[in-house]
Amino acid sequence: CPMSLEALRLDKFKLEEPKPDMGAAIDILVRHYKHIDVKEALRLLPEDTKLQDVEEFMCAILRDRTKDSRKKLTFKSLNLSDNLKVKSQKMFYQKDKTNRNSDG
């Protein structure tokens, strides 16, 4: 029995919006957080997203940022220490040179 054109009309079918796969989305965020704009990613999440859903993502970011911050602080401290050593040596040699000139 052939179907009528009325029966084939697409507007008769109610297509539901696909629901986002939050598990897959969060997994992508966790795996690629270093390459993602965090503010934008959080803004794009649905409003009903629970904190526990993004906890792993946020922890990964905080761990990485803390690690970077510690590294930068360590390098800054080492650089400051090296600068102080150089200044101390310079003062020592200038003092020694001054003493030699005043003795001679």
Protein backbone atom coordinates (compact mmCIF):
# COMPACT_ATOMS: atom_id res chain seq x y z
CA CYS A 1 0.00 0.00 0.00
CA PRO A 2 1.65 3.23 -1.12
CA MET A 3 2.10 5.99 1.45
CA SER A 4 0.56 9.36 0.82
CA LEU A 5 2.67 12.50 0.61
CA GLU A 6 1.00 13.68 3.80
CA ALA A 7 2.35 10.66 5.65
CA LEU A 8 5.86 11.34 4.40
CA ARG A 9 6.04 14.96 5.56
CA LEU A 10 9.04 15.45 7.78
CA ASP A 11 7.36 17.92 10.08
CA LYS A 12 5.21 15.09 11.33
CA PHE A 13 8.28 13.50 12.85
CA LYS A 14 9.42 14.97 16.10
CA LEU A 15 13.17 14.80 16.27
CA GLU A 16 14.63 15.36 19.68
CA GLU A 17 17.79 17.32 20.22
CA PRO A 18 20.63 14.93 20.92
CA LYS A 19 21.73 15.13 24.52
CA PRO A 20 25.38 15.97 25.04
CA ASP A 21 27.59 13.14 26.18
CA MET A 22 28.98 14.88 29.27
CA GLY A 23 31.25 11.96 30.10
CA ALA A 24 32.98 12.18 26.73
CA ALA A 25 33.12 15.99 26.92
CA ILE A 26 34.72 15.94 30.38
CA ASP A 27 37.15 13.23 29.25
CA ILE A 28 38.26 15.46 26.36
CA LEU A 29 38.65 18.41 28.73
CA VAL A 30 40.78 16.34 31.12
CA ARG A 31 43.00 14.93 28.36
CA HIS A 32 43.50 18.21 26.49
CA TYR A 33 43.22 20.86 29.21
CA LYS A 34 46.64 22.32 28.35
CA HIS A 35 45.36 23.28 24.89
CA ILE A 36 41.91 24.51 25.91
CA ASP A 37 40.81 27.98 26.95
CA VAL A 38 39.53 27.09 30.43
CA LYS A 39 37.17 30.05 30.76
CA GLU A 40 35.61 29.35 27.38
CA ALA A 41 35.28 25.61 28.10
CA LEU A 42 33.50 26.28 31.39
CA ARG A 43 31.26 28.87 29.75
CA LEU A 44 30.19 26.35 27.11
CA LEU A 45 29.18 23.67 29.61
CA PRO A 46 25.47 23.39 30.32
CA GLU A 47 24.27 25.40 33.31
CA ASP A 48 23.16 22.28 35.14
CA THR A 49 26.69 20.83 35.08
CA LYS A 50 27.65 19.73 38.56
CA LEU A 51 30.97 20.60 40.14
CA GLN A 52 31.69 16.92 40.71
CA ASP A 53 31.41 16.42 36.91
CA VAL A 54 34.24 18.87 36.24
CA GLU A 55 36.26 18.12 39.38
CA GLU A 56 38.87 16.01 37.56
CA PHE A 57 39.25 18.71 34.88
CA MET A 58 39.65 21.48 37.45
CA CYS A 59 42.10 19.43 39.56
CA ALA A 60 44.24 18.72 36.49
CA ILE A 61 44.37 22.43 35.70
CA LEU A 62 45.21 23.40 39.28
CA ARG A 63 47.93 20.74 39.52
CA ASP A 64 49.49 21.92 36.28
CA ARG A 65 49.29 25.62 37.15
CA THR A 66 50.71 24.98 40.64
CA LYS A 67 53.56 22.97 39.13
CA ASP A 68 54.32 25.75 36.63
CA SER A 69 54.15 28.37 39.36
CA ARG A 70 56.59 26.43 41.55
CA LYS A 71 58.95 25.95 38.62
CA LYS A 72 58.92 29.66 37.82
CA LEU A 73 59.48 30.55 41.47
CA THR A 74 62.42 28.12 41.67
CA PHE A 75 64.02 29.57 38.53
CA LYS A 76 63.48 33.09 39.82
CA SER A 77 65.13 32.20 43.15
CA LEU A 78 68.08 30.54 41.41
CA ASN A 79 68.50 33.55 39.15
CA LEU A 80 68.42 35.91 42.14
CA SER A 81 70.97 33.74 43.95
CA ASP A 82 73.28 33.77 40.92
CA ASN A 83 72.96 37.55 40.65
CA LEU A 84 73.89 37.95 44.32
CA LYS A 85 76.95 35.71 43.87
CA VAL A 86 78.11 37.74 40.89
CA LYS A 87 77.63 41.02 42.77
CA SER A 88 79.51 39.65 45.77
CA GLN A 89 82.42 38.49 43.59
CA LYS A 90 82.49 41.83 41.80
CA MET A 91 82.64 43.69 45.13
CA PHE A 92 85.41 41.38 46.33
CA TYR A 93 87.55 41.96 43.23
CA GLN A 94 86.91 45.69 43.24
CA LYS A 95 87.92 45.86 46.91
CA ASP A 96 91.05 43.79 46.20
CA LYS A 97 91.94 46.05 43.26
CA THR A 98 91.41 49.16 45.39
CA ASN A 99 93.62 47.74 48.16
CA ARG A 100 96.42 46.99 45.66
CA ASN A 101 96.26 50.48 44.20
CA SER A 102 96.41 52.16 47.63
CA ASP A 103 99.37 49.96 48.71
CA GLY A 104 101.44 50.69 45.62
